[in-house]
PDB file of N, CA and C in Angstrom:
ATOM      1  N   MET A   1      83.771  89.889  85.636  1.00  0.00           N
ATOM      2  CA  MET A   1      82.975  90.064  86.842  1.00  0.00           C
ATOM      3  C   MET A   1      83.778  90.898  87.834  1.00  0.00           C
ATOM      4  N   LEU A   2      83.108  91.879  88.410  1.00  0.00           N
ATOM      5  CA  LEU A   2      83.761  92.742  89.396  1.00  0.00           C
ATOM      6  C   LEU A   2      83.853  92.039  90.745  1.00  0.00           C
ATOM      7  N   LYS A   3      84.979  92.172  91.390  1.00  0.00           N
ATOM      8  CA  LYS A   3      85.110  91.709  92.774  1.00  0.00           C
ATOM      9  C   LYS A   3      84.546  92.804  93.666  1.00  0.00           C
ATOM     10  N   THR A   4      83.774  92.391  94.652  1.00  0.00           N
ATOM     11  CA  THR A   4      83.136  93.366  95.541  1.00  0.00           C
ATOM     12  C   THR A   4      83.205  92.889  96.984  1.00  0.00           C
ATOM     13  N   GLU A   5      83.015  93.841  97.876  1.00  0.00           N
ATOM     14  CA  GLU A   5      82.799  93.535  99.291  1.00  0.00           C
ATOM     15  C   GLU A   5      81.487  94.206  99.662  1.00  0.00           C
ATOM     16  N   ILE A   6      80.574  93.423 100.200  1.00  0.00           N
ATOM     17  CA  ILE A   6      79.270  93.933 100.589  1.00  0.00           C
ATOM     18  C   ILE A   6      79.182  93.867 102.108  1.00  0.00           C
ATOM     19  N   ALA A   7      78.734  94.982 102.705  1.00  0.00           N
ATOM     20  CA  ALA A   7      78.632  95.040 104.172  1.00  0.00           C
ATOM     21  C   ALA A   7      77.415  95.872 104.558  1.00  0.00           C
ATOM     22  N   GLY A   8      76.839  95.534 105.692  1.00  0.00           N
ATOM     23  CA  GLY A   8      75.765  96.330 106.264  1.00  0.00           C
ATOM     24  C   GLY A   8      74.391  95.990 105.717  1.00  0.00           C
ATOM     25  N   THR A   9      73.407  96.739 106.205  1.00  0.00           N
ATOM     26  CA  THR A   9      72.029  96.586 105.756  1.00  0.00           C
ATOM     27  C   THR A   9      71.413  97.967 105.594  1.00  0.00           C
ATOM     28  N   GLY A  10      70.422  98.035 104.742  1.00  0.00           N
ATOM     29  CA  GLY A  10      69.737  99.295 104.485  1.00  0.00           C
ATOM     30  C   GLY A  10      69.780  99.619 103.013  1.00  0.00           C
ATOM     31  N   PRO A  11      69.544 100.893 102.668  1.00  0.00           N
ATOM     32  CA  PRO A  11      69.608 101.300 101.264  1.00  0.00           C
ATOM     33  C   PRO A  11      70.992 100.992 100.690  1.00  0.00           C
ATOM     34  N   ASP A  12      71.024 100.672  99.404  1.00  0.00           N
ATOM     35  CA  ASP A  12      72.278 100.284  98.758  1.00  0.00           C
ATOM     36  C   ASP A  12      73.111 101.490  98.338  1.00  0.00           C
ATOM     37  N   VAL A  13      74.400 101.441  98.688  1.00  0.00           N
ATOM     38  CA  VAL A  13      75.383 102.440  98.280  1.00  0.00           C
ATOM     39  C   VAL A  13      76.504 101.703  97.557  1.00  0.00           C
ATOM     40  N   VAL A  14      76.783 102.124  96.321  1.00  0.00           N
ATOM     41  CA  VAL A  14      77.860 101.517  95.533  1.00  0.00           C
ATOM     42  C   VAL A  14      79.026 102.490  95.517  1.00  0.00           C
ATOM     43  N   LEU A  15      80.189 102.019  95.967  1.00  0.00           N
ATOM     44  CA  LEU A  15      81.397 102.826  96.101  1.00  0.00           C
ATOM     45  C   LEU A  15      82.378 102.470  94.991  1.00  0.00           C
ATOM     46  N   VAL A  16      82.733 103.469  94.181  1.00  0.00           N
ATOM     47  CA  VAL A  16      83.593 103.253  93.011  1.00  0.00           C
ATOM     48  C   VAL A  16      84.895 104.034  93.211  1.00  0.00           C
ATOM     49  N   HIS A  17      86.002 103.326  93.257  1.00  0.00           N
ATOM     50  CA  HIS A  17      87.321 103.925  93.528  1.00  0.00           C
ATOM     51  C   HIS A  17      87.877 104.692  92.336  1.00  0.00           C
ATOM     52  N   GLY A  18      88.941 105.411  92.596  1.00  0.00           N
ATOM     53  CA  GLY A  18      89.623 106.187  91.564  1.00  0.00           C
ATOM     54  C   GLY A  18      90.733 105.397  90.888  1.00  0.00           C
ATOM     55  N   LEU A  19      91.396 106.060  89.935  1.00  0.00           N
ATOM     56  CA  LEU A  19      92.469 105.459  89.153  1.00  0.00           C
ATOM     57  C   LEU A  19      93.612 105.015  90.060  1.00  0.00           C
ATOM     58  N   GLY A  20      94.087 103.804  89.848  1.00  0.00           N
ATOM     59  CA  GLY A  20      95.208 103.277  90.619  1.00  0.00           C
ATOM     60  C   GLY A  20      94.846 102.788  92.006  1.00  0.00           C
ATOM     61  N   ALA A  21      93.561 102.766  92.325  1.00  0.00           N
ATOM     62  CA  ALA A  21      93.128 102.336  93.655  1.00  0.00           C
ATOM     63  C   ALA A  21      92.347 101.025  93.545  1.00  0.00           C
ATOM     64  N   SER A  22      91.668 100.667  94.610  1.00  0.00           N
ATOM     65  CA  SER A  22      90.845  99.460  94.645  1.00  0.00           C
ATOM     66  C   SER A  22      89.755  99.661  95.689  1.00  0.00           C
ATOM     67  N   ARG A  23      88.934  98.660  95.865  1.00  0.00           N
ATOM     68  CA  ARG A  23      87.857  98.747  96.864  1.00  0.00           C
ATOM     69  C   ARG A  23      88.408  98.951  98.273  1.00  0.00           C
ATOM     70  N   PHE A  24      89.653  98.562  98.482  1.00  0.00           N
ATOM     71  CA  PHE A  24      90.296  98.717  99.782  1.00  0.00           C
ATOM     72  C   PHE A  24      90.330 100.183 100.221  1.00  0.00           C
ATOM     73  N   SER A  25      90.375 101.095  99.256  1.00  0.00           N
ATOM     74  CA  SER A  25      90.449 102.518  99.605  1.00  0.00           C
ATOM     75  C   SER A  25      89.180 103.014 100.294  1.00  0.00           C
ATOM     76  N   TRP A  26      88.105 102.231 100.248  1.00  0.00           N
ATOM     77  CA  TRP A  26      86.836 102.611 100.884  1.00  0.00           C
ATOM     78  C   TRP A  26      86.669 102.021 102.279  1.00  0.00           C
ATOM     79  N   ARG A  27      87.656 101.338 102.831  1.00  0.00           N
ATOM     80  CA  ARG A  27      87.486 100.604 104.084  1.00  0.00           C
ATOM     81  C   ARG A  27      86.987 101.479 105.235  1.00  0.00           C
ATOM     82  N   ALA A  28      87.524 102.685 105.397  1.00  0.00           N
ATOM     83  CA  ALA A  28      87.076 103.556 106.492  1.00  0.00           C
ATOM     84  C   ALA A  28      85.658 104.072 106.228  1.00  0.00           C
ATOM     85  N   THR A  29      85.350 104.329 104.986  1.00  0.00           N
ATOM     86  CA  THR A  29      84.011 104.786 104.615  1.00  0.00           C
ATOM     87  C   THR A  29      82.990 103.685 104.863  1.00  0.00           C
ATOM     88  N   VAL A  30      83.324 102.468 104.465  1.00  0.00           N
ATOM     89  CA  VAL A  30      82.426 101.328 104.694  1.00  0.00           C
ATOM     90  C   VAL A  30      82.167 101.159 106.181  1.00  0.00           C
ATOM     91  N   ALA A  31      83.198 101.279 106.993  1.00  0.00           N
ATOM     92  CA  ALA A  31      83.033 101.115 108.442  1.00  0.00           C
ATOM     93  C   ALA A  31      82.005 102.095 108.999  1.00  0.00           C
ATOM     94  N   LYS A  32      81.975 103.301 108.481  1.00  0.00           N
ATOM     95  CA  LYS A  32      81.013 104.304 108.952  1.00  0.00           C
ATOM     96  C   LYS A  32      79.618 104.089 108.350  1.00  0.00           C
ATOM     97  N   LEU A  33      79.563 103.744 107.066  1.00  0.00           N
ATOM     98  CA  LEU A  33      78.275 103.633 106.379  1.00  0.00           C
ATOM     99  C   LEU A  33      77.509 102.349 106.679  1.00  0.00           C
ATOM    100  N   GLN A  34      78.217 101.275 106.979  1.00  0.00           N
ATOM    101  CA  GLN A  34      77.549  99.976 107.093  1.00  0.00           C
ATOM    102  C   GLN A  34      76.542  99.886 108.237  1.00  0.00           C
ATOM    103  N   THR A  35      76.538 100.847 109.142  1.00  0.00           N
ATOM    104  CA  THR A  35      75.546 100.834 110.224  1.00  0.00           C
ATOM    105  C   THR A  35      74.169 101.288 109.733  1.00  0.00           C
ATOM    106  N   ARG A  36      74.138 101.989 108.583  1.00  0.00           N
ATOM    107  CA  ARG A  36      72.864 102.498 108.054  1.00  0.00           C
ATOM    108  C   ARG A  36      72.593 102.124 106.608  1.00  0.00           C
ATOM    109  N   PHE A  37      73.622 101.603 105.920  1.00  0.00           N
ATOM    110  CA  PHE A  37      73.502 101.299 104.503  1.00  0.00           C
ATOM    111  C   PHE A  37      74.092  99.933 104.184  1.00  0.00           C
ATOM    112  N   ARG A  38      73.655  99.365 103.090  1.00  0.00           N
ATOM    113  CA  ARG A  38      74.286  98.166 102.538  1.00  0.00           C
ATOM    114  C   ARG A  38      75.291  98.668 101.510  1.00  0.00           C
ATOM    115  N   THR A  39      76.570  98.554 101.813  1.00  0.00           N
ATOM    116  CA  THR A  39      77.612  99.095 100.941  1.00  0.00           C
ATOM    117  C   THR A  39      78.144  98.024  99.999  1.00  0.00           C
ATOM    118  N   HIS A  40      78.431  98.450  98.797  1.00  0.00           N
ATOM    119  CA  HIS A  40      79.031  97.600  97.764  1.00  0.00           C
ATOM    120  C   HIS A  40      80.308  98.307  97.326  1.00  0.00           C
ATOM    121  N   ALA A  41      81.448  97.912  97.847  1.00  0.00           N
ATOM    122  CA  ALA A  41      82.730  98.479  97.422  1.00  0.00           C
ATOM    123  C   ALA A  41      83.239  97.591  96.285  1.00  0.00           C
ATOM    124  N   VAL A  42      83.405  98.180  95.101  1.00  0.00           N
ATOM    125  CA  VAL A  42      83.769  97.388  93.924  1.00  0.00           C
ATOM    126  C   VAL A  42      85.221  97.632  93.530  1.00  0.00           C
ATOM    127  N   ASP A  43      85.822  96.608  92.949  1.00  0.00           N
ATOM    128  CA  ASP A  43      87.091  96.749  92.240  1.00  0.00           C
ATOM    129  C   ASP A  43      86.728  96.869  90.770  1.00  0.00           C
ATOM    130  N   LEU A  44      87.032  98.002  90.148  1.00  0.00           N
ATOM    131  CA  LEU A  44      86.758  98.160  88.724  1.00  0.00           C
ATOM    132  C   LEU A  44      87.535  97.120  87.923  1.00  0.00           C
ATOM    133  N   ALA A  45      87.111  96.895  86.700  1.00  0.00           N
ATOM    134  CA  ALA A  45      87.768  95.919  85.822  1.00  0.00           C
ATOM    135  C   ALA A  45      89.249  96.275  85.670  1.00  0.00           C
ATOM    136  N   GLY A  46      90.119  95.310  85.958  1.00  0.00           N
ATOM    137  CA  GLY A  46      91.558  95.522  85.844  1.00  0.00           C
ATOM    138  C   GLY A  46      92.210  96.134  87.068  1.00  0.00           C
ATOM    139  N   PHE A  47      91.454  96.343  88.130  1.00  0.00           N
ATOM    140  CA  PHE A  47      91.972  96.928  89.365  1.00  0.00           C
ATOM    141  C   PHE A  47      91.733  95.963  90.520  1.00  0.00           C
ATOM    142  N   GLY A  48      92.545  96.093  91.574  1.00  0.00           N
ATOM    143  CA  GLY A  48      92.366  95.240  92.747  1.00  0.00           C
ATOM    144  C   GLY A  48      92.354  93.774  92.355  1.00  0.00           C
ATOM    145  N   GLU A  49      91.298  93.075  92.742  1.00  0.00           N
ATOM    146  CA  GLU A  49      91.185  91.646  92.450  1.00  0.00           C
ATOM    147  C   GLU A  49      90.295  91.338  91.250  1.00  0.00           C
ATOM    148  N   SER A  50      89.820  92.374  90.549  1.00  0.00           N
ATOM    149  CA  SER A  50      88.996  92.147  89.358  1.00  0.00           C
ATOM    150  C   SER A  50      89.899  91.904  88.155  1.00  0.00           C
ATOM    151  N   GLU A  51      89.471  90.978  87.325  1.00  0.00           N
ATOM    152  CA  GLU A  51      90.226  90.681  86.111  1.00  0.00           C
ATOM    153  C   GLU A  51      89.938  91.715  85.034  1.00  0.00           C
ATOM    154  N   THR A  52      90.836  91.798  84.057  1.00  0.00           N
ATOM    155  CA  THR A  52      90.614  92.638  82.893  1.00  0.00           C
ATOM    156  C   THR A  52      90.075  91.756  81.778  1.00  0.00           C
ATOM    157  N   PRO A  53      88.838  92.002  81.332  1.00  0.00           N
ATOM    158  CA  PRO A  53      88.312  91.202  80.219  1.00  0.00           C
ATOM    159  C   PRO A  53      89.191  91.381  78.978  1.00  0.00           C
ATOM    160  N   LYS A  54      89.297  90.341  78.182  1.00  0.00           N
ATOM    161  CA  LYS A  54      90.118  90.387  76.967  1.00  0.00           C
ATOM    162  C   LYS A  54      89.613  91.500  76.055  1.00  0.00           C
ATOM    163  N   GLY A  55      90.531  92.348  75.608  1.00  0.00           N
ATOM    164  CA  GLY A  55      90.202  93.433  74.703  1.00  0.00           C
ATOM    165  C   GLY A  55      89.495  94.610  75.360  1.00  0.00           C
ATOM    166  N   PHE A  56      89.478  94.644  76.679  1.00  0.00           N
ATOM    167  CA  PHE A  56      88.769  95.700  77.409  1.00  0.00           C
ATOM    168  C   PHE A  56      89.508  97.023  77.301  1.00  0.00           C
ATOM    169  N   SER A  57      88.783  98.087  76.982  1.00  0.00           N
ATOM    170  CA  SER A  57      89.383  99.429  76.999  1.00  0.00           C
ATOM    171  C   SER A  57      88.991 100.067  78.323  1.00  0.00           C
ATOM    172  N   SER A  58      89.953 100.456  79.093  1.00  0.00           N
ATOM    173  CA  SER A  58      89.699 100.943  80.453  1.00  0.00           C
ATOM    174  C   SER A  58      89.249 102.389  80.488  1.00  0.00           C
ATOM    175  N   THR A  59      88.308 102.752  79.643  1.00  0.00           N
ATOM    176  CA  THR A  59      87.764 104.103  79.660  1.00  0.00           C
ATOM    177  C   THR A  59      86.690 104.198  80.739  1.00  0.00           C
ATOM    178  N   ALA A  60      86.361 105.419  81.127  1.00  0.00           N
ATOM    179  CA  ALA A  60      85.289 105.609  82.106  1.00  0.00           C
ATOM    180  C   ALA A  60      83.981 105.025  81.574  1.00  0.00           C
ATOM    181  N   ARG A  61      83.709 105.194  80.283  1.00  0.00           N
ATOM    182  CA  ARG A  61      82.487 104.650  79.674  1.00  0.00           C
ATOM    183  C   ARG A  61      82.459 103.125  79.764  1.00  0.00           C
ATOM    184  N   ALA A  62      83.586 102.479  79.459  1.00  0.00           N
ATOM    185  CA  ALA A  62      83.645 101.008  79.522  1.00  0.00           C
ATOM    186  C   ALA A  62      83.486 100.531  80.965  1.00  0.00           C
ATOM    187  N   GLN A  63      84.136 101.225  81.906  1.00  0.00           N
ATOM    188  CA  GLN A  63      84.002 100.857  83.321  1.00  0.00           C
ATOM    189  C   GLN A  63      82.558 101.048  83.783  1.00  0.00           C
ATOM    190  N   ALA A  64      81.911 102.127  83.314  1.00  0.00           N
ATOM    191  CA  ALA A  64      80.514 102.377  83.680  1.00  0.00           C
ATOM    192  C   ALA A  64      79.619 101.245  83.199  1.00  0.00           C
ATOM    193  N   ALA A  65      79.894 100.719  82.020  1.00  0.00           N
ATOM    194  CA  ALA A  65      79.101  99.604  81.497  1.00  0.00           C
ATOM    195  C   ALA A  65      79.256  98.372  82.385  1.00  0.00           C
ATOM    196  N   VAL A  66      80.470  98.129  82.884  1.00  0.00           N
ATOM    197  CA  VAL A  66      80.707  96.988  83.768  1.00  0.00           C
ATOM    198  C   VAL A  66      79.989  97.190  85.106  1.00  0.00           C
ATOM    199  N   VAL A  67      80.028  98.406  85.630  1.00  0.00           N
ATOM    200  CA  VAL A  67      79.315  98.692  86.880  1.00  0.00           C
ATOM    201  C   VAL A  67      77.809  98.522  86.663  1.00  0.00           C
ATOM    202  N   ALA A  68      77.296  98.980  85.528  1.00  0.00           N
ATOM    203  CA  ALA A  68      75.868  98.814  85.221  1.00  0.00           C
ATOM    204  C   ALA A  68      75.488  97.339  85.160  1.00  0.00           C
ATOM    205  N   GLU A  69      76.352  96.511  84.571  1.00  0.00           N
ATOM    206  CA  GLU A  69      76.113  95.063  84.537  1.00  0.00           C
ATOM    207  C   GLU A  69      76.042  94.501  85.954  1.00  0.00           C
ATOM    208  N   TYR A  70      76.933  94.969  86.822  1.00  0.00           N
ATOM    209  CA  TYR A  70      76.919  94.526  88.219  1.00  0.00           C
ATOM    210  C   TYR A  70      75.592  94.888  88.881  1.00  0.00           C
ATOM    211  N   LEU A  71      75.151  96.132  88.691  1.00  0.00           N
ATOM    212  CA  LEU A  71      73.888  96.571  89.286  1.00  0.00           C
ATOM    213  C   LEU A  71      72.731  95.695  88.819  1.00  0.00           C
ATOM    214  N   LEU A  72      72.686  95.411  87.532  1.00  0.00           N
ATOM    215  CA  LEU A  72      71.625  94.554  86.993  1.00  0.00           C
ATOM    216  C   LEU A  72      71.708  93.136  87.551  1.00  0.00           C
ATOM    217  N   ALA A  73      72.922  92.593  87.610  1.00  0.00           N
ATOM    218  CA  ALA A  73      73.110  91.225  88.122  1.00  0.00           C
ATOM    219  C   ALA A  73      72.687  91.104  89.579  1.00  0.00           C
ATOM    220  N   GLN A  74      72.878  92.187  90.342  1.00  0.00           N
ATOM    221  CA  GLN A  74      72.508  92.188  91.759  1.00  0.00           C
ATOM    222  C   GLN A  74      71.051  92.586  91.974  1.00  0.00           C
ATOM    223  N   GLY A  75      70.363  92.976  90.915  1.00  0.00           N
ATOM    224  CA  GLY A  75      68.982  93.407  91.032  1.00  0.00           C
ATOM    225  C   GLY A  75      68.842  94.755  91.718  1.00  0.00           C
ATOM    226  N   LEU A  76      69.862  95.581  91.617  1.00  0.00           N
ATOM    227  CA  LEU A  76      69.866  96.893  92.270  1.00  0.00           C
ATOM    228  C   LEU A  76      69.291  97.938  91.319  1.00  0.00           C
ATOM    229  N   THR A  77      68.195  98.559  91.718  1.00  0.00           N
ATOM    230  CA  THR A  77      67.551  99.542  90.851  1.00  0.00           C
ATOM    231  C   THR A  77      67.517 100.938  91.465  1.00  0.00           C
ATOM    232  N   ASN A  78      67.611 101.043  92.749  1.00  0.00           N
ATOM    233  CA  ASN A  78      67.547 102.343  93.410  1.00  0.00           C
ATOM    234  C   ASN A  78      68.754 102.452  94.334  1.00  0.00           C
ATOM    235  N   VAL A  79      69.878 102.899  93.770  1.00  0.00           N
ATOM    236  CA  VAL A  79      71.133 102.926  94.531  1.00  0.00           C
ATOM    237  C   VAL A  79      71.682 104.338  94.627  1.00  0.00           C
ATOM    238  N   ILE A  80      72.545 104.520  95.593  1.00  0.00           N
ATOM    239  CA  ILE A  80      73.338 105.735  95.709  1.00  0.00           C
ATOM    240  C   ILE A  80      74.715 105.383  95.165  1.00  0.00           C
ATOM    241  N   LEU A  81      75.173 106.099  94.143  1.00  0.00           N
ATOM    242  CA  LEU A  81      76.501 105.878  93.577  1.00  0.00           C
ATOM    243  C   LEU A  81      77.453 106.921  94.137  1.00  0.00           C
ATOM    244  N   VAL A  82      78.596 106.466  94.617  1.00  0.00           N
ATOM    245  CA  VAL A  82      79.624 107.365  95.149  1.00  0.00           C
ATOM    246  C   VAL A  82      80.923 107.027  94.444  1.00  0.00           C
ATOM    247  N   GLY A  83      81.516 108.014  93.793  1.00  0.00           N
ATOM    248  CA  GLY A  83      82.759 107.781  93.092  1.00  0.00           C
ATOM    249  C   GLY A  83      83.820 108.774  93.508  1.00  0.00           C
ATOM    250  N   HIS A  84      85.068 108.307  93.544  1.00  0.00           N
ATOM    251  CA  HIS A  84      86.202 109.155  93.868  1.00  0.00           C
ATOM    252  C   HIS A  84      87.070 109.280  92.628  1.00  0.00           C
ATOM    253  N   SER A  85      87.427 110.512  92.263  1.00  0.00           N
ATOM    254  CA  SER A  85      88.312 110.771  91.139  1.00  0.00           C
ATOM    255  C   SER A  85      87.759 110.126  89.875  1.00  0.00           C
ATOM    256  N   MET A  86      88.505 109.239  89.227  1.00  0.00           N
ATOM    257  CA  MET A  86      88.009 108.575  88.033  1.00  0.00           C
ATOM    258  C   MET A  86      86.692 107.850  88.303  1.00  0.00           C
ATOM    259  N   GLY A  87      86.524 107.348  89.521  1.00  0.00           N
ATOM    260  CA  GLY A  87      85.277 106.681  89.896  1.00  0.00           C
ATOM    261  C   GLY A  87      84.077 107.619  89.781  1.00  0.00           C
ATOM    262  N   GLY A  88      84.302 108.917  89.977  1.00  0.00           N
ATOM    263  CA  GLY A  88      83.242 109.901  89.791  1.00  0.00           C
ATOM    264  C   GLY A  88      82.788 109.950  88.346  1.00  0.00           C
ATOM    265  N   ALA A  89      83.740 109.899  87.416  1.00  0.00           N
ATOM    266  CA  ALA A  89      83.393 109.878  85.992  1.00  0.00           C
ATOM    267  C   ALA A  89      82.643 108.591  85.645  1.00  0.00           C
ATOM    268  N   VAL A  90      83.047 107.495  86.228  1.00  0.00           N
ATOM    269  CA  VAL A  90      82.365 106.223  86.001  1.00  0.00           C
ATOM    270  C   VAL A  90      80.913 106.319  86.483  1.00  0.00           C
ATOM    271  N   CYS A  91      80.713 106.904  87.639  1.00  0.00           N
ATOM    272  CA  CYS A  91      79.357 107.040  88.192  1.00  0.00           C
ATOM    273  C   CYS A  91      78.490 107.954  87.339  1.00  0.00           C
ATOM    274  N   LEU A  92      79.073 109.020  86.811  1.00  0.00           N
ATOM    275  CA  LEU A  92      78.293 109.928  85.970  1.00  0.00           C
ATOM    276  C   LEU A  92      77.787 109.216  84.745  1.00  0.00           C
TER     277      LEU A  92
END
């Protein structure tokens, strides 16, 4: 399960960090966006406070599958995905 911080109200924006980072890297972005959007800053699997599932391969494809599971679990169907560096590949 991904650790996330959710802030604000409005259309959903999911923020995906780059390699070696965590959801903390989005703090200034969240502060600006949360006045108009509901932001979801995620820690990818094995980063920040998210655990690494046993046998998990930390490829962009595997991370994308975990993010997709999060979206489904939250009932999010119409979101804006924003990724930085490796997070961009995950979003694609």
